[in-house]
């Protein structure tokens, strides 16, 4: 375990980082594809006068 002090915008944060064996972390899952946007409804036709 390694400990660091990180400063962001003048605020100091104490963080710890755990080292693991190379390749021990599982690969992140791919994010699901976003759903397609619904098709716009056609404008209503004007009524005859």
PDB file of N, CA and C in Angstrom:
ATOM      1  N   UNK A   1       0.865  -1.164   0.000  1.00  0.00           N
ATOM      2  CA  UNK A   1       0.000   0.000   0.000  1.00  0.00           C
ATOM      3  C   UNK A   1       0.911   1.227   0.000  1.00  0.00           C
ATOM      4  N   UNK A   2       0.583   2.170  -0.867  1.00  0.00           N
ATOM      5  CA  UNK A   2       1.329   3.424  -0.913  1.00  0.00           C
ATOM      6  C   UNK A   2       0.376   4.538  -0.526  1.00  0.00           C
ATOM      7  N   UNK A   3       0.902   5.541   0.129  1.00  0.00           N
ATOM      8  CA  UNK A   3       0.094   6.667   0.595  1.00  0.00           C
ATOM      9  C   UNK A   3       0.604   7.941  -0.061  1.00  0.00           C
ATOM     10  N   UNK A   4      -0.307   8.762  -0.539  1.00  0.00           N
ATOM     11  CA  UNK A   4       0.038  10.011  -1.203  1.00  0.00           C
ATOM     12  C   UNK A   4      -0.829  11.133  -0.653  1.00  0.00           C
ATOM     13  N   UNK A   5      -0.317  12.350  -0.765  1.00  0.00           N
ATOM     14  CA  UNK A   5      -1.116  13.538  -0.488  1.00  0.00           C
ATOM     15  C   UNK A   5      -1.277  14.254  -1.816  1.00  0.00           C
ATOM     16  N   UNK A   6      -2.516  14.403  -2.237  1.00  0.00           N
ATOM     17  CA  UNK A   6      -2.835  15.030  -3.513  1.00  0.00           C
ATOM     18  C   UNK A   6      -3.496  16.372  -3.223  1.00  0.00           C
ATOM     19  N   UNK A   7      -3.044  17.432  -3.887  1.00  0.00           N
ATOM     20  CA  UNK A   7      -3.647  18.750  -3.700  1.00  0.00           C
ATOM     21  C   UNK A   7      -4.404  19.129  -4.963  1.00  0.00           C
ATOM     22  N   UNK A   8      -5.701  19.429  -4.814  1.00  0.00           N
ATOM     23  CA  UNK A   8      -6.556  19.829  -5.928  1.00  0.00           C
ATOM     24  C   UNK A   8      -7.204  21.155  -5.559  1.00  0.00           C
ATOM     25  N   UNK A   9      -6.957  22.174  -6.360  1.00  0.00           N
ATOM     26  CA  UNK A   9      -7.516  23.509  -6.124  1.00  0.00           C
ATOM     27  C   UNK A   9      -7.236  23.982  -4.703  1.00  0.00           C
ATOM     28  N   UNK A  10      -6.043  23.724  -4.209  1.00  0.00           N
ATOM     29  CA  UNK A  10      -5.649  24.189  -2.887  1.00  0.00           C
ATOM     30  C   UNK A  10      -6.129  23.324  -1.735  1.00  0.00           C
ATOM     31  N   UNK A  11      -6.857  22.247  -2.000  1.00  0.00           N
ATOM     32  CA  UNK A  11      -7.348  21.360  -0.945  1.00  0.00           C
ATOM     33  C   UNK A  11      -6.537  20.073  -0.996  1.00  0.00           C
ATOM     34  N   UNK A  12      -5.912  19.706   0.143  1.00  0.00           N
ATOM     35  CA  UNK A  12      -5.080  18.508   0.202  1.00  0.00           C
ATOM     36  C   UNK A  12      -5.924  17.300   0.581  1.00  0.00           C
ATOM     37  N   UNK A  13      -5.727  16.197  -0.152  1.00  0.00           N
ATOM     38  CA  UNK A  13      -6.422  14.939   0.111  1.00  0.00           C
ATOM     39  C   UNK A  13      -5.379  13.863   0.362  1.00  0.00           C
ATOM     40  N   UNK A  14      -5.580  13.048   1.401  1.00  0.00           N
ATOM     41  CA  UNK A  14      -4.709  11.907   1.659  1.00  0.00           C
ATOM     42  C   UNK A  14      -5.335  10.695   0.993  1.00  0.00           C
ATOM     43  N   UNK A  15      -4.569  10.023   0.139  1.00  0.00           N
ATOM     44  CA  UNK A  15      -5.087   8.859  -0.564  1.00  0.00           C
ATOM     45  C   UNK A  15      -4.147   7.684  -0.375  1.00  0.00           C
ATOM     46  N   UNK A  16      -4.693   6.490  -0.448  1.00  0.00           N
ATOM     47  CA  UNK A  16      -3.875   5.285  -0.390  1.00  0.00           C
ATOM     48  C   UNK A  16      -4.130   4.484  -1.653  1.00  0.00           C
ATOM     49  N   UNK A  17      -3.074   3.863  -2.177  1.00  0.00           N
ATOM     50  CA  UNK A  17      -3.165   3.093  -3.407  1.00  0.00           C
ATOM     51  C   UNK A  17      -2.629   1.705  -3.130  1.00  0.00           C
ATOM     52  N   UNK A  18      -3.433   0.692  -3.444  1.00  0.00           N
ATOM     53  CA  UNK A  18      -3.003  -0.686  -3.243  1.00  0.00           C
ATOM     54  C   UNK A  18      -2.419  -1.209  -4.541  1.00  0.00           C
ATOM     55  N   UNK A  19      -1.223  -1.768  -4.462  1.00  0.00           N
ATOM     56  CA  UNK A  19      -0.592  -2.357  -5.627  1.00  0.00           C
ATOM     57  C   UNK A  19      -1.022  -3.811  -5.718  1.00  0.00           C
ATOM     58  N   UNK A  20      -1.378  -4.252  -6.928  1.00  0.00           N
ATOM     59  CA  UNK A  20      -1.741  -5.647  -7.141  1.00  0.00           C
ATOM     60  C   UNK A  20      -0.800  -6.233  -8.173  1.00  0.00           C
ATOM     61  N   UNK A  21      -0.808  -7.543  -8.297  1.00  0.00           N
ATOM     62  CA  UNK A  21       0.043  -8.200  -9.281  1.00  0.00           C
ATOM     63  C   UNK A  21      -0.402  -7.794 -10.680  1.00  0.00           C
ATOM     64  N   UNK A  22       0.514  -7.759 -11.619  1.00  0.00           N
ATOM     65  CA  UNK A  22       0.189  -7.346 -12.984  1.00  0.00           C
ATOM     66  C   UNK A  22      -0.879  -8.263 -13.564  1.00  0.00           C
ATOM     67  N   UNK A  23      -1.910  -7.682 -14.112  1.00  0.00           N
ATOM     68  CA  UNK A  23      -2.975  -8.450 -14.729  1.00  0.00           C
ATOM     69  C   UNK A  23      -3.972  -9.014 -13.737  1.00  0.00           C
ATOM     70  N   UNK A  24      -3.855  -8.692 -12.457  1.00  0.00           N
ATOM     71  CA  UNK A  24      -4.754  -9.255 -11.456  1.00  0.00           C
ATOM     72  C   UNK A  24      -6.117  -8.588 -11.480  1.00  0.00           C
ATOM     73  N   UNK A  25      -6.176  -7.348 -11.895  1.00  0.00           N
ATOM     74  CA  UNK A  25      -7.457  -6.634 -11.911  1.00  0.00           C
ATOM     75  C   UNK A  25      -8.275  -7.100 -13.109  1.00  0.00           C
ATOM     76  N   UNK A  26      -9.567  -7.342 -12.907  1.00  0.00           N
ATOM     77  CA  UNK A  26     -10.399  -7.755 -14.047  1.00  0.00           C
ATOM     78  C   UNK A  26     -10.572  -6.600 -15.024  1.00  0.00           C
ATOM     79  N   UNK A  27     -10.748  -6.942 -16.275  1.00  0.00           N
ATOM     80  CA  UNK A  27     -10.955  -5.917 -17.297  1.00  0.00           C
ATOM     81  C   UNK A  27     -12.304  -5.259 -17.068  1.00  0.00           C
ATOM     82  N   UNK A  28     -12.393  -3.948 -17.229  1.00  0.00           N
ATOM     83  CA  UNK A  28     -13.689  -3.287 -17.026  1.00  0.00           C
ATOM     84  C   UNK A  28     -14.690  -3.739 -18.082  1.00  0.00           C
ATOM     85  N   UNK A  29     -15.941  -3.866 -17.675  1.00  0.00           N
ATOM     86  CA  UNK A  29     -16.994  -4.272 -18.605  1.00  0.00           C
ATOM     87  C   UNK A  29     -17.294  -3.116 -19.548  1.00  0.00           C
ATOM     88  N   UNK A  30     -17.596  -3.440 -20.776  1.00  0.00           N
ATOM     89  CA  UNK A  30     -17.921  -2.405 -21.756  1.00  0.00           C
ATOM     90  C   UNK A  30     -19.254  -1.772 -21.384  1.00  0.00           C
ATOM     91  N   UNK A  31     -19.345  -0.488 -21.546  1.00  0.00           N
ATOM     92  CA  UNK A  31     -20.588   0.222 -21.246  1.00  0.00           C
ATOM     93  C   UNK A  31     -21.633  -0.166 -22.286  1.00  0.00           C
ATOM     94  N   UNK A  32     -22.877  -0.331 -21.863  1.00  0.00           N
ATOM     95  CA  UNK A  32     -23.916  -0.677 -22.845  1.00  0.00           C
ATOM     96  C   UNK A  32     -24.133   0.468 -23.827  1.00  0.00           C
ATOM     97  N   UNK A  33     -24.488   0.118 -25.043  1.00  0.00           N
ATOM     98  CA  UNK A  33     -24.728   1.136 -26.065  1.00  0.00           C
ATOM     99  C   UNK A  33     -25.981   1.928 -25.702  1.00  0.00           C
ATOM    100  N   UNK A  34     -25.964   3.229 -25.898  1.00  0.00           N
ATOM    101  CA  UNK A  34     -27.158   4.025 -25.560  1.00  0.00           C
ATOM    102  C   UNK A  34     -28.323   3.656 -26.468  1.00  0.00           C
ATOM    103  N   UNK A  35     -29.520   3.744 -25.924  1.00  0.00           N
ATOM    104  CA  UNK A  35     -30.718   3.433 -26.699  1.00  0.00           C
ATOM    105  C   UNK A  35     -30.907   4.505 -27.762  1.00  0.00           C
ATOM    106  N   UNK A  36     -31.344   4.114 -28.949  1.00  0.00           N
ATOM    107  CA  UNK A  36     -31.548   5.130 -29.998  1.00  0.00           C
ATOM    108  C   UNK A  36     -32.679   6.072 -29.610  1.00  0.00           C
ATOM    109  N   UNK A  37     -32.577   7.312 -30.039  1.00  0.00           N
ATOM    110  CA  UNK A  37     -33.607   8.308 -29.737  1.00  0.00           C
ATOM    111  C   UNK A  37     -34.870   7.960 -30.513  1.00  0.00           C
ATOM    112  N   UNK A  38     -36.034   8.158 -29.908  1.00  0.00           N
ATOM    113  CA  UNK A  38     -37.275   7.851 -30.630  1.00  0.00           C
ATOM    114  C   UNK A  38     -37.449   8.794 -31.820  1.00  0.00           C
ATOM    115  N   UNK A  39     -38.068   8.289 -32.875  1.00  0.00           N
ATOM    116  CA  UNK A  39     -38.284   9.101 -34.074  1.00  0.00           C
ATOM    117  C   UNK A  39     -39.319  10.177 -33.770  1.00  0.00           C
ATOM    118  N   UNK A  40     -39.122  11.347 -34.322  1.00  0.00           N
ATOM    119  CA  UNK A  40     -40.058  12.452 -34.104  1.00  0.00           C
ATOM    120  C   UNK A  40     -41.370  12.147 -34.813  1.00  0.00           C
ATOM    121  N   UNK A  41     -42.478  12.465 -34.162  1.00  0.00           N
ATOM    122  CA  UNK A  41     -43.795  12.245 -34.762  1.00  0.00           C
ATOM    123  C   UNK A  41     -44.014  13.270 -35.866  1.00  0.00           C
ATOM    124  N   UNK A  42     -44.657  12.869 -36.963  1.00  0.00           N
ATOM    125  CA  UNK A  42     -44.899  13.843 -38.044  1.00  0.00           C
ATOM    126  C   UNK A  42     -45.878  14.913 -37.583  1.00  0.00           C
ATOM    127  N   UNK A  43     -45.741  16.109 -38.113  1.00  0.00           N
ATOM    128  CA  UNK A  43     -46.630  17.216 -37.746  1.00  0.00           C
ATOM    129  C   UNK A  43     -48.025  16.931 -38.290  1.00  0.00           C
ATOM    130  N   UNK A  44     -49.069  17.263 -37.529  1.00  0.00           N
ATOM    131  CA  UNK A  44     -50.434  17.005 -38.025  1.00  0.00           C
ATOM    132  C   UNK A  44     -50.734  17.882 -39.245  1.00  0.00           C
ATOM    133  N   UNK A  45     -51.502  17.328 -40.173  1.00  0.00           N
ATOM    134  CA  UNK A  45     -51.854  18.066 -41.390  1.00  0.00           C
ATOM    135  C   UNK A  45     -52.889  19.134 -41.040  1.00  0.00           C
ATOM    136  N   UNK A  46     -52.824  20.266 -41.717  1.00  0.00           N
ATOM    137  CA  UNK A  46     -53.783  21.350 -41.471  1.00  0.00           C
ATOM    138  C   UNK A  46     -55.161  20.932 -41.970  1.00  0.00           C
ATOM    139  N   UNK A  47     -56.185  21.248 -41.201  1.00  0.00           N
ATOM    140  CA  UNK A  47     -57.559  20.904 -41.589  1.00  0.00           C
ATOM    141  C   UNK A  47     -58.022  21.836 -42.702  1.00  0.00           C
ATOM    142  N   UNK A  48     -58.785  21.327 -43.674  1.00  0.00           N
ATOM    143  CA  UNK A  48     -59.281  22.206 -44.752  1.00  0.00           C
ATOM    144  C   UNK A  48     -60.241  23.256 -44.201  1.00  0.00           C
ATOM    145  N   UNK A  49     -60.252  24.437 -44.783  1.00  0.00           N
ATOM    146  CA  UNK A  49     -61.092  25.540 -44.288  1.00  0.00           C
ATOM    147  C   UNK A  49     -62.503  25.484 -44.754  1.00  0.00           C
TER     148      UNK A  49
END
